Amino acid sequence: MRHLLLALMILTVAACGRGVPDGARVVVAGDSVMAWNRIEGASVADGLATRLGIAVGDVSLPAARMTGNRPGPMHIPNQVAGLSPDWPDWMALNGGANDLRAECGCTGCDDVLDRLISSDGQSGAIPDLVRQVRAQGTRVLWADYYTSPRFAGTARVRPYDRLTARLTRMAAADEGVLLVDMGSVVLSSDRALFAADRLHPSARGSARIASLIADMLQQADTTLR
C-alpha cells in the first residue's frame, strides 16, 4: 500500500505544473528537493520565477536518480535531454541523493559515489550530464544538498560530505558551473524549513532555496537582475 501511495503521489506531482514555458531562460531539473511543494505553487522553480520575474521551466521529479536504468524523467539525464533543441541560458540542477539512499545507506558508498562523480570531479554521471548541458552553451548551477533533521548527527551525512568535495572540484574546473550549498539556508535545526517527513523542504524551505539560487544567478548573470 505504501508503494502505491508513493506512486500516486509522484504521478500527482508530475502532473501539476511540470514543463518548460516558451522563452524560459532558466530550467530546473533534478529530484524531489526541487519538485517539492509544486502542487501549492511553492516549489523552487515557482520561487525562482517570482524572484527573477522571468519564465522558469521545471522538469524535476520526485524519486528521480542520476544513475541506473530509470524510465523517462525518473532518470535526471532524461529530464535534461528532453530540452533539446530549446536550451535555456541556465539550468539549476541537483541529484544523487536517491542513488545514495537506495544503494549504500550510511557506509559502503564508494562504488555509488564513483558512479555519480569521481574523486577528482571529472568523470561519472554528474560530470557527464554537466558537460552535456555546457556543450549547448547553457550554464549550470548545481545545488548541493542540505542535511535534513532525519539524518543530522548520523553517519548518513558522511557520503554527502564526500559528494560535496567532489562537486566542488567539478565546479572549480569550469567557470560556467556554479555550486551552491542549500545547507547554508536550509538548516537542520530549524524544523519550520522542513515538511512533516523531516526530509523534504517546507514551502518556506523551498523559498529559501529559490532565493539562494536566484541571488547566485543574478551575481553571475547581470541580465537576470
N, C-alpha and C. Protein backbone atom coordinates (compact mmCIF):
# COMPACT_ATOMS: atom_id res chain seq x y z
N MET A 1 0.82 -1.20 0.00
CA MET A 1 0.00 0.00 0.00
C MET A 1 0.86 1.27 0.00
N ARG A 2 1.95 1.24 0.78
CA ARG A 2 2.82 2.42 0.84
C ARG A 2 3.42 2.72 -0.52
N HIS A 3 3.82 1.67 -1.26
CA HIS A 3 4.40 1.87 -2.58
C HIS A 3 3.37 2.44 -3.55
N LEU A 4 2.10 1.99 -3.41
CA LEU A 4 1.04 2.52 -4.26
C LEU A 4 0.81 3.99 -3.99
N LEU A 5 0.79 4.35 -2.70
CA LEU A 5 0.61 5.76 -2.35
C LEU A 5 1.75 6.62 -2.87
N LEU A 6 2.97 6.09 -2.78
CA LEU A 6 4.12 6.84 -3.28
C LEU A 6 4.00 7.04 -4.79
N ALA A 7 3.60 6.00 -5.51
CA ALA A 7 3.45 6.11 -6.96
C ALA A 7 2.39 7.14 -7.32
N LEU A 8 1.26 7.13 -6.58
CA LEU A 8 0.21 8.10 -6.84
C LEU A 8 0.68 9.52 -6.55
N MET A 9 1.46 9.68 -5.48
CA MET A 9 1.99 11.00 -5.15
C MET A 9 2.89 11.51 -6.25
N ILE A 10 3.76 10.64 -6.75
CA ILE A 10 4.69 11.04 -7.81
C ILE A 10 3.94 11.45 -9.05
N LEU A 11 2.93 10.66 -9.42
CA LEU A 11 2.15 10.97 -10.61
C LEU A 11 1.41 12.29 -10.44
N THR A 12 0.88 12.53 -9.23
CA THR A 12 0.16 13.77 -8.98
C THR A 12 1.09 14.97 -9.09
N VAL A 13 2.26 14.87 -8.45
CA VAL A 13 3.22 15.97 -8.51
C VAL A 13 3.70 16.19 -9.93
N ALA A 14 3.91 15.09 -10.66
CA ALA A 14 4.39 15.20 -12.04
C ALA A 14 3.38 15.90 -12.92
N ALA A 15 2.10 15.71 -12.61
CA ALA A 15 1.05 16.27 -13.46
C ALA A 15 0.80 17.74 -13.20
N CYS A 16 1.27 18.25 -12.09
CA CYS A 16 0.95 19.61 -11.67
C CYS A 16 2.09 20.57 -11.96
N GLY A 17 2.08 21.16 -13.12
CA GLY A 17 2.99 22.25 -13.40
C GLY A 17 4.31 21.89 -14.04
N ARG A 18 4.56 20.61 -14.31
CA ARG A 18 5.82 20.28 -14.95
C ARG A 18 5.83 20.78 -16.37
N GLY A 19 6.93 21.30 -16.80
CA GLY A 19 7.05 21.72 -18.19
C GLY A 19 7.96 22.91 -18.33
N VAL A 20 8.16 23.31 -19.57
CA VAL A 20 9.04 24.44 -19.88
C VAL A 20 8.25 25.44 -20.72
N PRO A 21 7.91 26.59 -20.17
CA PRO A 21 7.17 27.60 -20.94
C PRO A 21 8.05 28.21 -22.03
N ASP A 22 7.43 28.74 -23.05
CA ASP A 22 8.17 29.42 -24.12
C ASP A 22 9.00 30.54 -23.53
N GLY A 23 10.24 30.62 -24.00
CA GLY A 23 11.10 31.70 -23.57
C GLY A 23 11.73 31.53 -22.21
N ALA A 24 11.63 30.34 -21.63
CA ALA A 24 12.23 30.12 -20.32
C ALA A 24 13.74 30.28 -20.39
N ARG A 25 14.28 31.14 -19.56
CA ARG A 25 15.73 31.36 -19.54
C ARG A 25 16.42 30.48 -18.51
N VAL A 26 15.65 29.98 -17.57
CA VAL A 26 16.16 29.08 -16.54
C VAL A 26 15.25 27.86 -16.48
N VAL A 27 15.85 26.68 -16.40
CA VAL A 27 15.09 25.44 -16.24
C VAL A 27 15.63 24.69 -15.03
N VAL A 28 14.72 24.21 -14.19
CA VAL A 28 15.07 23.44 -13.01
C VAL A 28 14.89 21.96 -13.31
N ALA A 29 15.90 21.15 -12.98
CA ALA A 29 15.82 19.70 -13.16
C ALA A 29 16.40 19.03 -11.92
N GLY A 30 15.97 17.80 -11.68
CA GLY A 30 16.51 17.08 -10.54
C GLY A 30 15.47 16.24 -9.83
N ASP A 31 15.61 16.14 -8.51
CA ASP A 31 14.78 15.23 -7.73
C ASP A 31 13.75 15.98 -6.88
N SER A 32 13.27 15.32 -5.84
CA SER A 32 12.17 15.85 -5.05
C SER A 32 12.50 17.13 -4.29
N VAL A 33 13.76 17.38 -3.99
CA VAL A 33 14.10 18.64 -3.33
C VAL A 33 13.68 19.81 -4.20
N MET A 34 13.86 19.68 -5.49
CA MET A 34 13.44 20.73 -6.43
C MET A 34 11.93 20.71 -6.65
N ALA A 35 11.35 19.51 -6.72
CA ALA A 35 9.94 19.39 -7.10
C ALA A 35 8.97 19.61 -5.96
N TRP A 36 9.42 19.50 -4.72
CA TRP A 36 8.51 19.53 -3.57
C TRP A 36 7.76 20.85 -3.50
N ASN A 37 6.53 20.81 -3.06
CA ASN A 37 5.64 21.97 -2.91
C ASN A 37 5.14 22.52 -4.24
N ARG A 38 5.31 21.77 -5.32
CA ARG A 38 4.84 22.24 -6.63
C ARG A 38 3.32 22.35 -6.67
N ILE A 39 2.62 21.42 -6.04
CA ILE A 39 1.16 21.45 -6.07
C ILE A 39 0.63 22.75 -5.49
N GLU A 40 1.32 23.26 -4.47
CA GLU A 40 0.91 24.52 -3.83
C GLU A 40 1.44 25.76 -4.57
N GLY A 41 2.17 25.54 -5.67
CA GLY A 41 2.77 26.67 -6.37
C GLY A 41 3.93 27.27 -5.61
N ALA A 42 4.61 26.43 -4.81
CA ALA A 42 5.68 26.94 -3.94
C ALA A 42 6.96 26.13 -4.08
N SER A 43 7.20 25.55 -5.25
CA SER A 43 8.43 24.80 -5.49
C SER A 43 9.60 25.76 -5.70
N VAL A 44 10.78 25.20 -5.84
CA VAL A 44 11.96 26.03 -6.11
C VAL A 44 11.77 26.80 -7.41
N ALA A 45 11.27 26.14 -8.45
CA ALA A 45 11.05 26.82 -9.73
C ALA A 45 10.03 27.95 -9.60
N ASP A 46 8.97 27.72 -8.83
CA ASP A 46 7.98 28.77 -8.62
C ASP A 46 8.63 29.98 -7.94
N GLY A 47 9.44 29.71 -6.94
CA GLY A 47 10.12 30.80 -6.25
C GLY A 47 11.09 31.55 -7.14
N LEU A 48 11.79 30.83 -8.01
CA LEU A 48 12.72 31.47 -8.94
C LEU A 48 11.98 32.39 -9.90
N ALA A 49 10.85 31.90 -10.43
CA ALA A 49 10.08 32.71 -11.37
C ALA A 49 9.63 34.02 -10.73
N THR A 50 9.20 33.95 -9.48
CA THR A 50 8.77 35.15 -8.76
C THR A 50 9.94 36.08 -8.46
N ARG A 51 11.02 35.49 -8.00
CA ARG A 51 12.18 36.27 -7.58
C ARG A 51 12.87 36.95 -8.77
N LEU A 52 12.97 36.22 -9.89
CA LEU A 52 13.67 36.75 -11.06
C LEU A 52 12.74 37.50 -12.01
N GLY A 53 11.45 37.26 -11.91
CA GLY A 53 10.50 37.92 -12.80
C GLY A 53 10.58 37.44 -14.23
N ILE A 54 10.92 36.16 -14.42
CA ILE A 54 11.05 35.59 -15.76
C ILE A 54 10.36 34.23 -15.80
N ALA A 55 10.19 33.71 -17.03
CA ALA A 55 9.66 32.36 -17.19
C ALA A 55 10.72 31.35 -16.76
N VAL A 56 10.33 30.41 -15.91
CA VAL A 56 11.24 29.37 -15.42
C VAL A 56 10.61 28.01 -15.70
N GLY A 57 11.35 27.13 -16.35
CA GLY A 57 10.87 25.78 -16.61
C GLY A 57 11.15 24.86 -15.43
N ASP A 58 10.41 23.77 -15.36
CA ASP A 58 10.59 22.81 -14.27
C ASP A 58 10.34 21.41 -14.79
N VAL A 59 11.39 20.60 -14.84
CA VAL A 59 11.27 19.21 -15.29
C VAL A 59 11.70 18.25 -14.19
N SER A 60 11.83 18.73 -12.96
CA SER A 60 12.25 17.89 -11.84
C SER A 60 11.14 16.92 -11.46
N LEU A 61 11.51 15.84 -10.77
CA LEU A 61 10.54 14.81 -10.41
C LEU A 61 10.97 14.07 -9.15
N PRO A 62 10.05 13.88 -8.19
CA PRO A 62 10.39 13.10 -7.00
C PRO A 62 10.87 11.70 -7.36
N ALA A 63 11.82 11.20 -6.58
CA ALA A 63 12.40 9.86 -6.71
C ALA A 63 13.32 9.71 -7.92
N ALA A 64 13.57 10.78 -8.65
CA ALA A 64 14.46 10.69 -9.80
C ALA A 64 15.90 10.43 -9.35
N ARG A 65 16.62 9.68 -10.16
CA ARG A 65 18.02 9.35 -9.86
C ARG A 65 18.94 9.78 -11.00
N MET A 66 20.22 9.82 -10.68
CA MET A 66 21.23 10.13 -11.68
C MET A 66 21.70 8.89 -12.43
N THR A 67 21.72 7.74 -11.78
CA THR A 67 22.28 6.53 -12.37
C THR A 67 21.20 5.46 -12.51
N GLY A 68 21.54 4.38 -13.22
CA GLY A 68 20.61 3.27 -13.38
C GLY A 68 19.69 3.47 -14.57
N ASN A 69 18.91 2.44 -14.86
CA ASN A 69 18.01 2.46 -16.00
C ASN A 69 16.61 2.86 -15.56
N ARG A 70 16.45 4.10 -15.18
CA ARG A 70 15.16 4.60 -14.74
C ARG A 70 14.36 5.07 -15.95
N PRO A 71 13.04 4.86 -15.95
CA PRO A 71 12.24 5.25 -17.12
C PRO A 71 12.01 6.75 -17.20
N GLY A 72 12.03 7.28 -18.41
CA GLY A 72 11.66 8.66 -18.66
C GLY A 72 12.31 9.65 -17.72
N PRO A 73 11.52 10.62 -17.20
CA PRO A 73 12.08 11.66 -16.34
C PRO A 73 12.47 11.19 -14.95
N MET A 74 12.23 9.90 -14.64
CA MET A 74 12.76 9.37 -13.39
C MET A 74 14.28 9.29 -13.43
N HIS A 75 14.85 9.41 -14.62
CA HIS A 75 16.30 9.46 -14.84
C HIS A 75 16.64 10.91 -15.16
N ILE A 76 17.37 11.57 -14.27
CA ILE A 76 17.60 13.01 -14.41
C ILE A 76 18.24 13.38 -15.75
N PRO A 77 19.20 12.62 -16.28
CA PRO A 77 19.70 12.95 -17.62
C PRO A 77 18.62 12.96 -18.69
N ASN A 78 17.56 12.15 -18.54
CA ASN A 78 16.46 12.18 -19.50
C ASN A 78 15.66 13.48 -19.38
N GLN A 79 15.55 14.01 -18.17
CA GLN A 79 14.88 15.30 -18.00
C GLN A 79 15.59 16.36 -18.83
N VAL A 80 16.91 16.33 -18.77
CA VAL A 80 17.71 17.33 -19.48
C VAL A 80 17.68 17.10 -20.98
N ALA A 81 17.80 15.85 -21.41
CA ALA A 81 17.81 15.54 -22.85
C ALA A 81 16.53 16.00 -23.52
N GLY A 82 15.43 16.00 -22.77
CA GLY A 82 14.15 16.40 -23.34
C GLY A 82 14.06 17.87 -23.68
N LEU A 83 15.04 18.68 -23.27
CA LEU A 83 15.02 20.11 -23.56
C LEU A 83 15.45 20.43 -24.99
N SER A 84 16.17 19.52 -25.62
CA SER A 84 16.67 19.77 -26.97
C SER A 84 15.51 19.97 -27.94
N PRO A 85 15.58 20.95 -28.86
CA PRO A 85 16.72 21.84 -29.15
C PRO A 85 16.64 23.20 -28.46
N ASP A 86 15.65 23.40 -27.60
CA ASP A 86 15.45 24.73 -27.00
C ASP A 86 16.13 24.80 -25.64
N TRP A 87 17.44 25.03 -25.66
CA TRP A 87 18.20 25.06 -24.42
C TRP A 87 18.10 26.43 -23.76
N PRO A 88 17.95 26.48 -22.44
CA PRO A 88 17.87 27.77 -21.74
C PRO A 88 19.25 28.37 -21.52
N ASP A 89 19.28 29.57 -20.97
CA ASP A 89 20.57 30.18 -20.60
C ASP A 89 21.20 29.46 -19.42
N TRP A 90 20.33 29.03 -18.48
CA TRP A 90 20.81 28.41 -17.24
C TRP A 90 20.00 27.16 -16.93
N MET A 91 20.66 26.18 -16.34
CA MET A 91 19.98 25.06 -15.74
C MET A 91 20.34 24.99 -14.27
N ALA A 92 19.33 24.90 -13.41
CA ALA A 92 19.53 24.68 -11.98
C ALA A 92 19.28 23.20 -11.72
N LEU A 93 20.33 22.49 -11.32
CA LEU A 93 20.30 21.04 -11.23
C LEU A 93 20.62 20.55 -9.82
N ASN A 94 20.08 19.38 -9.50
CA ASN A 94 20.56 18.63 -8.35
C ASN A 94 20.37 17.16 -8.64
N GLY A 95 20.85 16.30 -7.77
CA GLY A 95 20.68 14.87 -7.96
C GLY A 95 21.75 14.06 -7.25
N GLY A 96 21.44 12.80 -7.03
CA GLY A 96 22.39 11.88 -6.40
C GLY A 96 21.91 11.33 -5.08
N ALA A 97 21.02 12.05 -4.38
CA ALA A 97 20.58 11.58 -3.06
C ALA A 97 19.82 10.27 -3.15
N ASN A 98 18.96 10.13 -4.13
CA ASN A 98 18.19 8.89 -4.25
C ASN A 98 19.08 7.71 -4.61
N ASP A 99 20.13 7.96 -5.36
CA ASP A 99 21.10 6.90 -5.67
C ASP A 99 21.79 6.44 -4.39
N LEU A 100 22.24 7.41 -3.61
CA LEU A 100 22.95 7.08 -2.36
C LEU A 100 22.03 6.40 -1.36
N ARG A 101 20.83 6.91 -1.20
CA ARG A 101 19.90 6.33 -0.22
C ARG A 101 19.51 4.91 -0.59
N ALA A 102 19.32 4.66 -1.88
CA ALA A 102 18.84 3.35 -2.31
C ALA A 102 19.93 2.29 -2.33
N GLU A 103 21.17 2.71 -2.56
CA GLU A 103 22.20 1.74 -2.87
C GLU A 103 23.28 1.57 -1.81
N CYS A 104 23.41 2.53 -0.87
CA CYS A 104 24.53 2.35 0.06
C CYS A 104 24.22 2.68 1.51
N GLY A 105 23.14 3.37 1.81
CA GLY A 105 22.85 3.69 3.21
C GLY A 105 23.91 4.60 3.81
N CYS A 106 24.48 4.18 4.93
CA CYS A 106 25.45 5.03 5.65
C CYS A 106 26.90 4.73 5.26
N THR A 107 27.16 3.51 4.86
CA THR A 107 28.54 3.10 4.57
C THR A 107 28.59 2.34 3.25
N GLY A 108 29.79 2.00 2.83
CA GLY A 108 29.96 1.23 1.61
C GLY A 108 29.51 1.98 0.37
N CYS A 109 29.75 3.29 0.35
CA CYS A 109 29.24 4.13 -0.73
C CYS A 109 30.26 4.41 -1.84
N ASP A 110 31.43 3.83 -1.75
CA ASP A 110 32.48 4.16 -2.72
C ASP A 110 32.02 3.93 -4.15
N ASP A 111 31.44 2.78 -4.42
CA ASP A 111 31.03 2.47 -5.79
C ASP A 111 29.95 3.42 -6.29
N VAL A 112 28.99 3.72 -5.43
CA VAL A 112 27.91 4.62 -5.83
C VAL A 112 28.45 6.02 -6.07
N LEU A 113 29.29 6.50 -5.16
CA LEU A 113 29.88 7.82 -5.34
C LEU A 113 30.69 7.90 -6.62
N ASP A 114 31.46 6.86 -6.90
CA ASP A 114 32.28 6.87 -8.11
C ASP A 114 31.43 6.87 -9.38
N ARG A 115 30.27 6.19 -9.31
CA ARG A 115 29.38 6.21 -10.47
C ARG A 115 28.76 7.59 -10.65
N LEU A 116 28.51 8.25 -9.52
CA LEU A 116 27.97 9.61 -9.59
C LEU A 116 29.01 10.61 -10.04
N ILE A 117 30.16 10.60 -9.39
CA ILE A 117 31.22 11.56 -9.69
C ILE A 117 32.52 11.07 -9.08
N SER A 118 33.58 11.08 -9.87
CA SER A 118 34.87 10.59 -9.41
C SER A 118 35.47 11.54 -8.37
N SER A 119 36.50 11.07 -7.68
CA SER A 119 37.11 11.87 -6.61
C SER A 119 37.69 13.18 -7.13
N ASP A 120 38.11 13.22 -8.41
CA ASP A 120 38.65 14.46 -8.97
C ASP A 120 37.55 15.32 -9.61
N GLY A 121 36.32 14.84 -9.58
CA GLY A 121 35.21 15.62 -10.11
C GLY A 121 35.09 15.66 -11.61
N GLN A 122 35.80 14.78 -12.31
CA GLN A 122 35.87 14.89 -13.76
C GLN A 122 35.16 13.78 -14.53
N SER A 123 34.71 12.74 -13.86
CA SER A 123 34.01 11.67 -14.57
C SER A 123 32.86 11.16 -13.71
N GLY A 124 31.96 10.43 -14.33
CA GLY A 124 30.78 9.94 -13.64
C GLY A 124 29.52 10.57 -14.20
N ALA A 125 28.38 10.13 -13.72
CA ALA A 125 27.10 10.56 -14.27
C ALA A 125 26.88 12.06 -14.14
N ILE A 126 27.29 12.64 -13.00
CA ILE A 126 27.08 14.08 -12.81
C ILE A 126 27.94 14.92 -13.74
N PRO A 127 29.27 14.71 -13.79
CA PRO A 127 30.07 15.49 -14.74
C PRO A 127 29.65 15.25 -16.19
N ASP A 128 29.25 14.03 -16.53
CA ASP A 128 28.79 13.75 -17.90
C ASP A 128 27.57 14.59 -18.23
N LEU A 129 26.63 14.68 -17.29
CA LEU A 129 25.43 15.48 -17.51
C LEU A 129 25.78 16.96 -17.63
N VAL A 130 26.65 17.43 -16.76
CA VAL A 130 27.04 18.84 -16.80
C VAL A 130 27.72 19.16 -18.13
N ARG A 131 28.59 18.28 -18.61
CA ARG A 131 29.24 18.52 -19.90
C ARG A 131 28.23 18.55 -21.04
N GLN A 132 27.22 17.69 -20.96
CA GLN A 132 26.17 17.67 -21.98
C GLN A 132 25.46 19.02 -22.04
N VAL A 133 25.16 19.56 -20.88
CA VAL A 133 24.48 20.86 -20.83
C VAL A 133 25.41 21.97 -21.29
N ARG A 134 26.64 21.95 -20.82
CA ARG A 134 27.59 23.01 -21.18
C ARG A 134 27.90 23.01 -22.68
N ALA A 135 27.83 21.84 -23.31
CA ALA A 135 28.10 21.75 -24.75
C ALA A 135 27.06 22.52 -25.57
N GLN A 136 25.91 22.79 -24.97
CA GLN A 136 24.87 23.56 -25.67
C GLN A 136 25.00 25.06 -25.41
N GLY A 137 26.02 25.46 -24.68
CA GLY A 137 26.20 26.86 -24.33
C GLY A 137 25.40 27.29 -23.11
N THR A 138 24.75 26.35 -22.46
CA THR A 138 23.96 26.62 -21.26
C THR A 138 24.86 26.54 -20.02
N ARG A 139 24.71 27.49 -19.14
CA ARG A 139 25.46 27.46 -17.90
C ARG A 139 24.70 26.67 -16.83
N VAL A 140 25.44 26.16 -15.88
CA VAL A 140 24.88 25.23 -14.89
C VAL A 140 25.05 25.78 -13.48
N LEU A 141 23.98 25.72 -12.72
CA LEU A 141 24.06 25.93 -11.28
C LEU A 141 23.68 24.61 -10.63
N TRP A 142 24.64 24.01 -9.91
CA TRP A 142 24.38 22.74 -9.23
C TRP A 142 24.09 23.03 -7.76
N ALA A 143 22.95 22.56 -7.29
CA ALA A 143 22.53 22.80 -5.91
C ALA A 143 22.91 21.60 -5.04
N ASP A 144 23.87 21.80 -4.16
CA ASP A 144 24.34 20.74 -3.27
C ASP A 144 23.37 20.60 -2.09
N TYR A 145 23.22 19.38 -1.60
CA TYR A 145 22.20 19.07 -0.61
C TYR A 145 22.43 19.71 0.76
N TYR A 146 21.32 19.93 1.45
CA TYR A 146 21.32 20.29 2.86
C TYR A 146 21.30 19.00 3.68
N THR A 147 21.47 19.13 5.00
CA THR A 147 21.32 17.99 5.91
C THR A 147 19.94 18.07 6.54
N SER A 148 19.15 17.02 6.39
CA SER A 148 17.80 17.02 6.93
C SER A 148 17.80 16.64 8.41
N PRO A 149 16.77 17.04 9.16
CA PRO A 149 16.69 16.64 10.57
C PRO A 149 16.67 15.12 10.76
N ARG A 150 16.15 14.40 9.76
CA ARG A 150 16.07 12.95 9.88
C ARG A 150 17.46 12.32 9.98
N PHE A 151 18.46 12.92 9.33
CA PHE A 151 19.79 12.32 9.28
C PHE A 151 20.86 13.12 9.99
N ALA A 152 20.51 14.31 10.49
CA ALA A 152 21.52 15.15 11.16
C ALA A 152 22.14 14.41 12.33
N GLY A 153 23.46 14.49 12.43
CA GLY A 153 24.18 13.87 13.53
C GLY A 153 24.40 12.38 13.39
N THR A 154 24.10 11.82 12.23
CA THR A 154 24.28 10.39 12.00
C THR A 154 25.34 10.17 10.93
N ALA A 155 25.71 8.90 10.77
CA ALA A 155 26.70 8.56 9.75
C ALA A 155 26.17 8.74 8.34
N ARG A 156 24.86 8.94 8.21
CA ARG A 156 24.27 9.10 6.87
C ARG A 156 24.77 10.36 6.16
N VAL A 157 25.32 11.32 6.91
CA VAL A 157 25.77 12.55 6.26
C VAL A 157 27.15 12.38 5.62
N ARG A 158 27.90 11.35 6.00
CA ARG A 158 29.28 11.23 5.51
C ARG A 158 29.38 11.09 3.99
N PRO A 159 28.57 10.25 3.35
CA PRO A 159 28.65 10.18 1.89
C PRO A 159 28.35 11.52 1.22
N TYR A 160 27.47 12.30 1.83
CA TYR A 160 27.12 13.60 1.25
C TYR A 160 28.25 14.60 1.41
N ASP A 161 29.01 14.50 2.50
CA ASP A 161 30.19 15.34 2.65
C ASP A 161 31.22 15.03 1.55
N ARG A 162 31.37 13.76 1.25
CA ARG A 162 32.29 13.36 0.19
C ARG A 162 31.76 13.82 -1.18
N LEU A 163 30.46 13.72 -1.36
CA LEU A 163 29.86 14.21 -2.61
C LEU A 163 30.13 15.69 -2.78
N THR A 164 29.98 16.46 -1.71
CA THR A 164 30.23 17.90 -1.75
C THR A 164 31.66 18.20 -2.20
N ALA A 165 32.62 17.48 -1.65
CA ALA A 165 34.02 17.71 -2.01
C ALA A 165 34.25 17.46 -3.50
N ARG A 166 33.62 16.43 -4.01
CA ARG A 166 33.79 16.09 -5.44
C ARG A 166 33.10 17.12 -6.33
N LEU A 167 31.92 17.56 -5.91
CA LEU A 167 31.21 18.59 -6.68
C LEU A 167 32.01 19.90 -6.70
N THR A 168 32.66 20.19 -5.60
CA THR A 168 33.47 21.41 -5.52
C THR A 168 34.60 21.36 -6.54
N ARG A 169 35.23 20.22 -6.68
CA ARG A 169 36.31 20.08 -7.67
C ARG A 169 35.77 20.19 -9.09
N MET A 170 34.59 19.64 -9.32
CA MET A 170 33.98 19.74 -10.64
C MET A 170 33.72 21.20 -11.01
N ALA A 171 33.11 21.94 -10.10
CA ALA A 171 32.76 23.33 -10.38
C ALA A 171 34.00 24.19 -10.57
N ALA A 172 35.05 23.88 -9.84
CA ALA A 172 36.27 24.69 -9.95
C ALA A 172 36.92 24.57 -11.31
N ALA A 173 36.61 23.51 -12.04
CA ALA A 173 37.25 23.27 -13.33
C ALA A 173 36.53 23.96 -14.50
N ASP A 174 35.39 24.60 -14.26
CA ASP A 174 34.62 25.22 -15.34
C ASP A 174 33.94 26.46 -14.81
N GLU A 175 34.31 27.62 -15.33
CA GLU A 175 33.72 28.87 -14.84
C GLU A 175 32.24 28.98 -15.20
N GLY A 176 31.76 28.12 -16.09
CA GLY A 176 30.35 28.11 -16.45
C GLY A 176 29.52 27.24 -15.54
N VAL A 177 30.12 26.72 -14.47
CA VAL A 177 29.42 25.88 -13.50
C VAL A 177 29.50 26.53 -12.12
N LEU A 178 28.36 26.77 -11.52
CA LEU A 178 28.30 27.33 -10.17
C LEU A 178 27.82 26.25 -9.21
N LEU A 179 28.36 26.25 -8.01
CA LEU A 179 27.94 25.32 -6.97
C LEU A 179 27.38 26.12 -5.81
N VAL A 180 26.15 25.82 -5.41
CA VAL A 180 25.56 26.48 -4.24
C VAL A 180 25.27 25.43 -3.18
N ASP A 181 25.37 25.85 -1.94
CA ASP A 181 25.16 24.97 -0.80
C ASP A 181 23.78 25.24 -0.20
N MET A 182 22.82 24.37 -0.48
CA MET A 182 21.48 24.56 0.08
C MET A 182 21.50 24.52 1.60
N GLY A 183 22.50 23.84 2.17
CA GLY A 183 22.62 23.77 3.61
C GLY A 183 22.94 25.11 4.26
N SER A 184 23.36 26.10 3.47
CA SER A 184 23.64 27.42 4.04
C SER A 184 22.36 28.18 4.36
N VAL A 185 21.24 27.75 3.77
CA VAL A 185 19.97 28.44 4.03
C VAL A 185 18.89 27.52 4.59
N VAL A 186 19.07 26.21 4.43
CA VAL A 186 18.11 25.24 4.98
C VAL A 186 18.84 24.50 6.10
N LEU A 187 18.62 24.94 7.31
CA LEU A 187 19.36 24.45 8.47
C LEU A 187 18.58 23.33 9.15
N SER A 188 19.27 22.25 9.47
CA SER A 188 18.60 21.10 10.07
C SER A 188 17.99 21.42 11.43
N SER A 189 18.48 22.46 12.08
CA SER A 189 17.98 22.85 13.40
C SER A 189 16.65 23.60 13.35
N ASP A 190 16.25 24.04 12.16
CA ASP A 190 15.03 24.83 12.01
C ASP A 190 13.95 23.96 11.37
N ARG A 191 13.10 23.35 12.18
CA ARG A 191 12.10 22.42 11.67
C ARG A 191 11.07 23.09 10.77
N ALA A 192 10.91 24.40 10.89
CA ALA A 192 9.95 25.11 10.05
C ALA A 192 10.36 25.09 8.58
N LEU A 193 11.60 24.75 8.31
CA LEU A 193 12.09 24.71 6.93
C LEU A 193 11.87 23.35 6.29
N PHE A 194 11.27 22.42 7.03
CA PHE A 194 11.10 21.05 6.54
C PHE A 194 9.64 20.62 6.56
N ALA A 195 9.31 19.75 5.63
CA ALA A 195 7.99 19.15 5.59
C ALA A 195 7.83 18.19 6.76
N ALA A 196 6.65 17.61 6.89
CA ALA A 196 6.36 16.73 8.02
C ALA A 196 7.25 15.49 8.04
N ASP A 197 7.79 15.11 6.88
CA ASP A 197 8.66 13.93 6.83
C ASP A 197 10.07 14.20 7.34
N ARG A 198 10.36 15.46 7.69
CA ARG A 198 11.69 15.87 8.19
C ARG A 198 12.80 15.57 7.20
N LEU A 199 12.44 15.57 5.92
CA LEU A 199 13.41 15.27 4.87
C LEU A 199 13.33 16.30 3.74
N HIS A 200 12.13 16.53 3.26
CA HIS A 200 11.94 17.47 2.15
C HIS A 200 11.70 18.89 2.68
N PRO A 201 11.91 19.88 1.83
CA PRO A 201 11.71 21.26 2.29
C PRO A 201 10.23 21.60 2.44
N SER A 202 9.92 22.40 3.43
CA SER A 202 8.59 23.01 3.52
C SER A 202 8.51 24.11 2.47
N ALA A 203 7.36 24.74 2.35
CA ALA A 203 7.24 25.85 1.41
C ALA A 203 8.25 26.94 1.75
N ARG A 204 8.46 27.18 3.05
CA ARG A 204 9.45 28.18 3.46
C ARG A 204 10.86 27.72 3.08
N GLY A 205 11.13 26.43 3.22
CA GLY A 205 12.43 25.91 2.83
C GLY A 205 12.67 26.05 1.33
N SER A 206 11.66 25.72 0.54
CA SER A 206 11.79 25.88 -0.92
C SER A 206 12.02 27.34 -1.29
N ALA A 207 11.34 28.25 -0.59
CA ALA A 207 11.52 29.67 -0.87
C ALA A 207 12.94 30.12 -0.58
N ARG A 208 13.52 29.59 0.50
CA ARG A 208 14.91 29.93 0.82
C ARG A 208 15.87 29.41 -0.24
N ILE A 209 15.62 28.19 -0.70
CA ILE A 209 16.48 27.62 -1.75
C ILE A 209 16.37 28.47 -3.02
N ALA A 210 15.13 28.85 -3.37
CA ALA A 210 14.93 29.67 -4.56
C ALA A 210 15.65 31.01 -4.45
N SER A 211 15.60 31.63 -3.28
CA SER A 211 16.29 32.91 -3.09
C SER A 211 17.80 32.76 -3.21
N LEU A 212 18.33 31.68 -2.64
CA LEU A 212 19.76 31.42 -2.74
C LEU A 212 20.19 31.26 -4.20
N ILE A 213 19.43 30.45 -4.95
CA ILE A 213 19.76 30.22 -6.35
C ILE A 213 19.61 31.51 -7.15
N ALA A 214 18.54 32.24 -6.91
CA ALA A 214 18.32 33.49 -7.64
C ALA A 214 19.45 34.48 -7.39
N ASP A 215 19.87 34.62 -6.14
CA ASP A 215 20.97 35.53 -5.81
C ASP A 215 22.23 35.14 -6.56
N MET A 216 22.54 33.85 -6.59
CA MET A 216 23.75 33.39 -7.27
C MET A 216 23.65 33.62 -8.77
N LEU A 217 22.49 33.36 -9.35
CA LEU A 217 22.31 33.58 -10.79
C LEU A 217 22.46 35.06 -11.13
N GLN A 218 21.90 35.93 -10.31
CA GLN A 218 21.99 37.35 -10.59
C GLN A 218 23.41 37.88 -10.43
N GLN A 219 24.17 37.30 -9.51
CA GLN A 219 25.57 37.68 -9.37
C GLN A 219 26.37 37.28 -10.61
N ALA A 220 26.04 36.13 -11.16
CA ALA A 220 26.80 35.60 -12.31
C ALA A 220 26.33 36.13 -13.64
N ASP A 221 25.08 36.60 -13.70
CA ASP A 221 24.48 36.99 -14.98
C ASP A 221 23.74 38.30 -14.78
N THR A 222 24.33 39.39 -15.23
CA THR A 222 23.73 40.71 -14.99
C THR A 222 22.41 40.88 -15.73
N THR A 223 22.14 40.08 -16.76
CA THR A 223 20.88 40.22 -17.49
C THR A 223 19.69 39.68 -16.70
N LEU A 224 19.96 39.01 -15.59
CA LEU A 224 18.90 38.48 -14.75
C LEU A 224 18.57 39.40 -13.58
N ARG A 225 19.25 40.53 -13.50
CA ARG A 225 19.00 41.46 -12.38
C ARG A 225 17.80 42.36 -12.67
